[in-house]
Amino acid sequence: MTTQHPLLQMNAFERLEASVELIKTSGKLFILKDEHGCVMLTTDDEDGIPVWPESSLALLWATEDWSDCEAMEISTKDFLTKWVGGMTQDNLTVMICPVPGEEGEVMEPEEFAQQI
């Protein structure tokens, strides 16, 4: 019998705080990617890249249209040096730990970078 991940019991803000702590501790985060690149989410007024603290949480999102996606690990160092600038330039946000049925907190890349 599988147990649910503790983050699935939290609201978006609590997941944000817990995710930041896990990412800081592990020195890595995860995105979803397929043959076209990384998965992006669009909300009413923003485009962003969802990030998760663990691959298992990212894979919960890999259903339906994204069922062929896999979790890709990115070190926080690479995220800070290679991703933040590009995301800022492309007006993309960071969507922290969305879970099925609930979007994650949305943050500007620089703000997220300061947190991790």
N, C-alpha and C. Protein backbone atom coordinates (compact mmCIF):
# COMPACT_ATOMS: atom_id res chain seq x y z
N MET A 1 0.84 -1.19 0.00
CA MET A 1 0.00 0.00 0.00
C MET A 1 0.88 1.25 0.00
N THR A 2 0.61 2.17 -0.91
CA THR A 2 1.42 3.37 -0.99
C THR A 2 0.84 4.45 -0.09
N THR A 3 1.72 5.21 0.51
CA THR A 3 1.26 6.32 1.34
C THR A 3 1.39 7.60 0.53
N GLN A 4 0.51 8.52 0.78
CA GLN A 4 0.56 9.79 0.06
C GLN A 4 1.70 10.64 0.57
N HIS A 5 2.30 11.37 -0.34
CA HIS A 5 3.38 12.28 0.02
C HIS A 5 2.82 13.37 0.95
N PRO A 6 3.55 13.72 2.01
CA PRO A 6 3.06 14.75 2.94
C PRO A 6 2.71 16.08 2.25
N LEU A 7 3.42 16.44 1.19
CA LEU A 7 3.14 17.71 0.53
C LEU A 7 1.75 17.73 -0.12
N LEU A 8 1.22 16.56 -0.43
CA LEU A 8 -0.11 16.51 -1.04
C LEU A 8 -1.21 16.92 -0.06
N GLN A 9 -0.90 16.90 1.22
CA GLN A 9 -1.87 17.29 2.24
C GLN A 9 -1.86 18.80 2.51
N MET A 10 -0.91 19.51 1.92
CA MET A 10 -0.72 20.93 2.24
C MET A 10 -1.40 21.83 1.21
N ASN A 11 -1.66 23.07 1.62
CA ASN A 11 -2.14 24.05 0.65
C ASN A 11 -0.95 24.59 -0.14
N ALA A 12 -1.22 25.42 -1.13
CA ALA A 12 -0.16 25.88 -2.04
C ALA A 12 0.94 26.63 -1.30
N PHE A 13 0.57 27.49 -0.34
CA PHE A 13 1.59 28.25 0.38
C PHE A 13 2.46 27.33 1.24
N GLU A 14 1.83 26.38 1.92
CA GLU A 14 2.59 25.43 2.74
C GLU A 14 3.52 24.58 1.86
N ARG A 15 3.03 24.20 0.66
CA ARG A 15 3.88 23.44 -0.27
C ARG A 15 5.06 24.28 -0.72
N LEU A 16 4.82 25.56 -0.95
CA LEU A 16 5.91 26.46 -1.33
C LEU A 16 6.99 26.45 -0.26
N GLU A 17 6.60 26.67 0.98
CA GLU A 17 7.59 26.73 2.07
C GLU A 17 8.32 25.40 2.22
N ALA A 18 7.58 24.29 2.19
CA ALA A 18 8.20 22.97 2.34
C ALA A 18 9.10 22.66 1.14
N SER A 19 8.66 23.03 -0.06
CA SER A 19 9.44 22.77 -1.27
C SER A 19 10.76 23.54 -1.24
N VAL A 20 10.70 24.81 -0.84
CA VAL A 20 11.92 25.61 -0.76
C VAL A 20 12.91 24.97 0.20
N GLU A 21 12.43 24.52 1.35
CA GLU A 21 13.32 23.87 2.32
C GLU A 21 13.92 22.58 1.74
N LEU A 22 13.10 21.76 1.08
CA LEU A 22 13.62 20.52 0.49
C LEU A 22 14.64 20.81 -0.61
N ILE A 23 14.37 21.81 -1.43
CA ILE A 23 15.29 22.17 -2.52
C ILE A 23 16.59 22.70 -1.94
N LYS A 24 16.50 23.55 -0.91
CA LYS A 24 17.73 24.07 -0.29
C LYS A 24 18.55 22.94 0.31
N THR A 25 17.89 22.00 0.96
CA THR A 25 18.58 20.88 1.61
C THR A 25 19.22 19.94 0.61
N SER A 26 18.49 19.61 -0.45
CA SER A 26 18.98 18.62 -1.41
C SER A 26 19.88 19.23 -2.48
N GLY A 27 19.74 20.54 -2.71
CA GLY A 27 20.53 21.18 -3.75
C GLY A 27 20.04 20.85 -5.15
N LYS A 28 18.77 20.44 -5.27
CA LYS A 28 18.25 20.11 -6.60
C LYS A 28 16.75 20.32 -6.63
N LEU A 29 16.24 20.46 -7.85
CA LEU A 29 14.81 20.53 -8.08
C LEU A 29 14.52 19.75 -9.35
N PHE A 30 13.25 19.58 -9.65
CA PHE A 30 12.86 18.78 -10.80
C PHE A 30 11.85 19.53 -11.66
N ILE A 31 11.98 19.34 -12.97
CA ILE A 31 10.99 19.81 -13.93
C ILE A 31 10.50 18.60 -14.70
N LEU A 32 9.46 18.79 -15.49
CA LEU A 32 9.03 17.74 -16.41
C LEU A 32 9.50 18.11 -17.80
N LYS A 33 9.94 17.12 -18.56
CA LYS A 33 10.36 17.39 -19.93
C LYS A 33 9.90 16.26 -20.84
N ASP A 34 9.76 16.61 -22.12
CA ASP A 34 9.50 15.61 -23.15
C ASP A 34 10.43 15.90 -24.31
N GLU A 35 10.16 15.32 -25.47
CA GLU A 35 11.07 15.51 -26.60
C GLU A 35 11.12 16.95 -27.09
N HIS A 36 10.14 17.78 -26.69
CA HIS A 36 10.11 19.17 -27.13
C HIS A 36 10.76 20.11 -26.12
N GLY A 37 11.13 19.62 -24.97
CA GLY A 37 11.73 20.48 -23.95
C GLY A 37 10.93 20.42 -22.66
N CYS A 38 11.07 21.45 -21.84
CA CYS A 38 10.43 21.42 -20.54
C CYS A 38 8.96 21.80 -20.64
N VAL A 39 8.17 21.24 -19.75
CA VAL A 39 6.74 21.51 -19.69
C VAL A 39 6.52 22.91 -19.14
N MET A 40 5.62 23.63 -19.78
CA MET A 40 5.22 24.95 -19.28
C MET A 40 3.74 24.93 -18.99
N LEU A 41 3.34 25.70 -18.00
CA LEU A 41 1.93 25.85 -17.66
C LEU A 41 1.50 27.27 -17.96
N THR A 42 0.26 27.42 -18.34
CA THR A 42 -0.29 28.74 -18.59
C THR A 42 -1.49 28.94 -17.69
N THR A 43 -1.46 30.02 -16.93
CA THR A 43 -2.63 30.40 -16.14
C THR A 43 -3.30 31.55 -16.89
N ASP A 44 -4.26 32.19 -16.28
CA ASP A 44 -5.00 33.25 -16.95
C ASP A 44 -4.08 34.34 -17.50
N ASP A 45 -3.07 34.71 -16.73
CA ASP A 45 -2.25 35.84 -17.15
C ASP A 45 -0.75 35.57 -17.13
N GLU A 46 -0.35 34.33 -16.90
CA GLU A 46 1.08 34.06 -16.80
C GLU A 46 1.44 32.72 -17.43
N ASP A 47 2.65 32.68 -17.96
CA ASP A 47 3.24 31.41 -18.40
C ASP A 47 4.37 31.10 -17.44
N GLY A 48 4.51 29.84 -17.10
CA GLY A 48 5.56 29.50 -16.15
C GLY A 48 6.03 28.07 -16.29
N ILE A 49 7.11 27.81 -15.62
CA ILE A 49 7.69 26.47 -15.58
C ILE A 49 7.45 25.91 -14.19
N PRO A 50 6.73 24.80 -14.11
CA PRO A 50 6.52 24.19 -12.80
C PRO A 50 7.79 23.47 -12.33
N VAL A 51 8.08 23.60 -11.05
CA VAL A 51 9.22 22.92 -10.44
C VAL A 51 8.74 22.18 -9.19
N TRP A 52 9.42 21.09 -8.92
CA TRP A 52 9.08 20.26 -7.76
C TRP A 52 10.35 19.91 -7.00
N PRO A 53 10.23 19.63 -5.68
CA PRO A 53 11.40 19.27 -4.88
C PRO A 53 11.80 17.80 -5.05
N GLU A 54 10.90 16.98 -5.59
CA GLU A 54 11.19 15.54 -5.75
C GLU A 54 10.62 15.05 -7.06
N SER A 55 11.29 14.08 -7.67
CA SER A 55 10.83 13.55 -8.95
C SER A 55 9.47 12.89 -8.84
N SER A 56 9.19 12.25 -7.71
CA SER A 56 7.90 11.56 -7.56
C SER A 56 6.74 12.54 -7.62
N LEU A 57 6.93 13.75 -7.10
CA LEU A 57 5.87 14.77 -7.15
C LEU A 57 5.71 15.30 -8.56
N ALA A 58 6.82 15.47 -9.27
CA ALA A 58 6.74 15.92 -10.67
C ALA A 58 5.98 14.91 -11.50
N LEU A 59 6.24 13.64 -11.26
CA LEU A 59 5.61 12.59 -12.06
C LEU A 59 4.10 12.47 -11.81
N LEU A 60 3.61 12.97 -10.67
CA LEU A 60 2.17 13.00 -10.44
C LEU A 60 1.46 13.88 -11.47
N TRP A 61 2.20 14.84 -12.02
CA TRP A 61 1.66 15.77 -12.99
C TRP A 61 1.74 15.19 -14.41
N ALA A 62 2.51 14.11 -14.58
CA ALA A 62 2.76 13.52 -15.91
C ALA A 62 1.62 12.59 -16.30
N THR A 63 0.45 13.18 -16.55
CA THR A 63 -0.72 12.40 -16.94
C THR A 63 -1.32 13.01 -18.21
N GLU A 64 -2.23 12.31 -18.81
CA GLU A 64 -2.96 12.76 -19.98
C GLU A 64 -2.04 13.35 -21.04
N ASP A 65 -2.14 14.66 -21.32
CA ASP A 65 -1.31 15.26 -22.37
C ASP A 65 0.19 15.13 -22.09
N TRP A 66 0.53 15.00 -20.84
CA TRP A 66 1.95 14.95 -20.47
C TRP A 66 2.40 13.56 -20.03
N SER A 67 1.65 12.54 -20.41
CA SER A 67 1.97 11.18 -19.94
C SER A 67 3.32 10.67 -20.46
N ASP A 68 3.83 11.29 -21.53
CA ASP A 68 5.14 10.86 -22.05
C ASP A 68 6.29 11.68 -21.47
N CYS A 69 6.00 12.51 -20.48
CA CYS A 69 7.05 13.34 -19.88
C CYS A 69 7.81 12.56 -18.82
N GLU A 70 9.03 12.99 -18.60
CA GLU A 70 9.82 12.42 -17.51
C GLU A 70 10.37 13.54 -16.65
N ALA A 71 10.67 13.20 -15.41
CA ALA A 71 11.22 14.19 -14.48
C ALA A 71 12.69 14.39 -14.79
N MET A 72 13.12 15.64 -14.82
CA MET A 72 14.52 15.96 -15.06
C MET A 72 15.06 16.72 -13.86
N GLU A 73 16.17 16.23 -13.33
CA GLU A 73 16.81 16.87 -12.18
C GLU A 73 17.67 18.04 -12.65
N ILE A 74 17.57 19.14 -11.92
CA ILE A 74 18.41 20.31 -12.17
C ILE A 74 19.01 20.72 -10.83
N SER A 75 20.32 20.88 -10.79
CA SER A 75 20.93 21.34 -9.54
C SER A 75 20.53 22.79 -9.31
N THR A 76 20.47 23.19 -8.04
CA THR A 76 20.11 24.57 -7.76
C THR A 76 21.16 25.51 -8.37
N LYS A 77 22.40 25.09 -8.41
CA LYS A 77 23.45 25.92 -9.02
C LYS A 77 23.13 26.16 -10.50
N ASP A 78 22.80 25.09 -11.23
CA ASP A 78 22.45 25.25 -12.64
C ASP A 78 21.19 26.10 -12.81
N PHE A 79 20.22 25.88 -11.95
CA PHE A 79 18.98 26.66 -12.04
C PHE A 79 19.29 28.15 -11.87
N LEU A 80 20.10 28.45 -10.87
CA LEU A 80 20.41 29.85 -10.58
C LEU A 80 21.25 30.49 -11.68
N THR A 81 22.20 29.72 -12.25
CA THR A 81 23.11 30.32 -13.23
C THR A 81 22.59 30.24 -14.67
N LYS A 82 21.81 29.22 -14.99
CA LYS A 82 21.40 29.02 -16.38
C LYS A 82 19.92 29.29 -16.63
N TRP A 83 19.07 29.10 -15.64
CA TRP A 83 17.63 29.17 -15.88
C TRP A 83 17.02 30.52 -15.52
N VAL A 84 17.43 31.08 -14.39
CA VAL A 84 16.76 32.29 -13.88
C VAL A 84 16.82 33.43 -14.90
N GLY A 85 18.00 33.67 -15.45
CA GLY A 85 18.14 34.76 -16.43
C GLY A 85 17.28 34.55 -17.66
N GLY A 86 17.29 33.34 -18.20
CA GLY A 86 16.50 33.04 -19.39
C GLY A 86 15.01 33.13 -19.14
N MET A 87 14.59 32.65 -17.98
CA MET A 87 13.16 32.71 -17.64
C MET A 87 12.72 34.17 -17.47
N THR A 88 13.57 34.98 -16.86
CA THR A 88 13.26 36.39 -16.68
C THR A 88 13.14 37.07 -18.03
N GLN A 89 14.10 36.79 -18.91
CA GLN A 89 14.11 37.38 -20.25
C GLN A 89 12.86 36.99 -21.03
N ASP A 90 12.39 35.76 -20.85
CA ASP A 90 11.21 35.26 -21.56
C ASP A 90 9.90 35.54 -20.82
N ASN A 91 9.97 36.32 -19.74
CA ASN A 91 8.79 36.65 -18.94
C ASN A 91 8.07 35.41 -18.42
N LEU A 92 8.84 34.42 -17.99
CA LEU A 92 8.26 33.20 -17.42
C LEU A 92 8.34 33.27 -15.90
N THR A 93 7.35 32.68 -15.26
CA THR A 93 7.36 32.59 -13.81
C THR A 93 7.77 31.18 -13.40
N VAL A 94 8.00 31.00 -12.10
CA VAL A 94 8.24 29.69 -11.52
C VAL A 94 6.95 29.30 -10.81
N MET A 95 6.45 28.11 -11.10
CA MET A 95 5.25 27.60 -10.43
C MET A 95 5.69 26.47 -9.51
N ILE A 96 5.61 26.72 -8.22
CA ILE A 96 6.22 25.82 -7.25
C ILE A 96 5.26 24.73 -6.81
N CYS A 97 5.65 23.51 -7.09
CA CYS A 97 5.00 22.30 -6.62
C CYS A 97 3.48 22.25 -6.85
N PRO A 98 3.06 22.42 -8.13
CA PRO A 98 1.64 22.16 -8.35
C PRO A 98 1.35 20.67 -8.14
N VAL A 99 0.18 20.35 -7.68
CA VAL A 99 -0.22 18.96 -7.48
C VAL A 99 -1.53 18.75 -8.23
N PRO A 100 -1.89 17.51 -8.52
CA PRO A 100 -3.13 17.28 -9.26
C PRO A 100 -4.31 18.01 -8.65
N GLY A 101 -4.97 18.80 -9.46
CA GLY A 101 -6.15 19.52 -9.00
C GLY A 101 -5.86 20.86 -8.36
N GLU A 102 -4.60 21.21 -8.19
CA GLU A 102 -4.29 22.48 -7.54
C GLU A 102 -2.98 23.03 -8.06
N GLU A 103 -3.03 24.27 -8.52
CA GLU A 103 -1.81 24.92 -9.00
C GLU A 103 -0.93 25.28 -7.81
N GLY A 104 0.35 25.45 -8.08
CA GLY A 104 1.27 25.87 -7.03
C GLY A 104 1.33 27.38 -6.93
N GLU A 105 2.07 27.85 -5.95
CA GLU A 105 2.32 29.28 -5.82
C GLU A 105 3.17 29.72 -7.02
N VAL A 106 2.95 30.95 -7.47
CA VAL A 106 3.68 31.49 -8.61
C VAL A 106 4.61 32.58 -8.11
N MET A 107 5.84 32.56 -8.63
CA MET A 107 6.86 33.51 -8.21
C MET A 107 7.69 33.95 -9.40
N GLU A 108 8.21 35.15 -9.33
CA GLU A 108 9.19 35.59 -10.33
C GLU A 108 10.47 34.79 -10.13
N PRO A 109 11.20 34.51 -11.21
CA PRO A 109 12.43 33.70 -11.07
C PRO A 109 13.43 34.27 -10.07
N GLU A 110 13.63 35.61 -10.07
CA GLU A 110 14.60 36.19 -9.14
C GLU A 110 14.16 36.01 -7.69
N GLU A 111 12.88 36.13 -7.47
CA GLU A 111 12.34 35.96 -6.11
C GLU A 111 12.55 34.51 -5.65
N PHE A 112 12.26 33.57 -6.54
CA PHE A 112 12.48 32.15 -6.22
C PHE A 112 13.95 31.89 -5.97
N ALA A 113 14.83 32.50 -6.78
CA ALA A 113 16.27 32.32 -6.63
C ALA A 113 16.74 32.77 -5.26
N GLN A 114 16.17 33.85 -4.75
CA GLN A 114 16.55 34.34 -3.42
C GLN A 114 16.11 33.36 -2.34
N GLN A 115 15.00 32.66 -2.57
CA GLN A 115 14.48 31.73 -1.59
C GLN A 115 15.34 30.47 -1.49
N ILE A 116 15.86 30.02 -2.65
CA ILE A 116 16.62 28.78 -2.64
C ILE A 116 18.12 29.04 -2.54
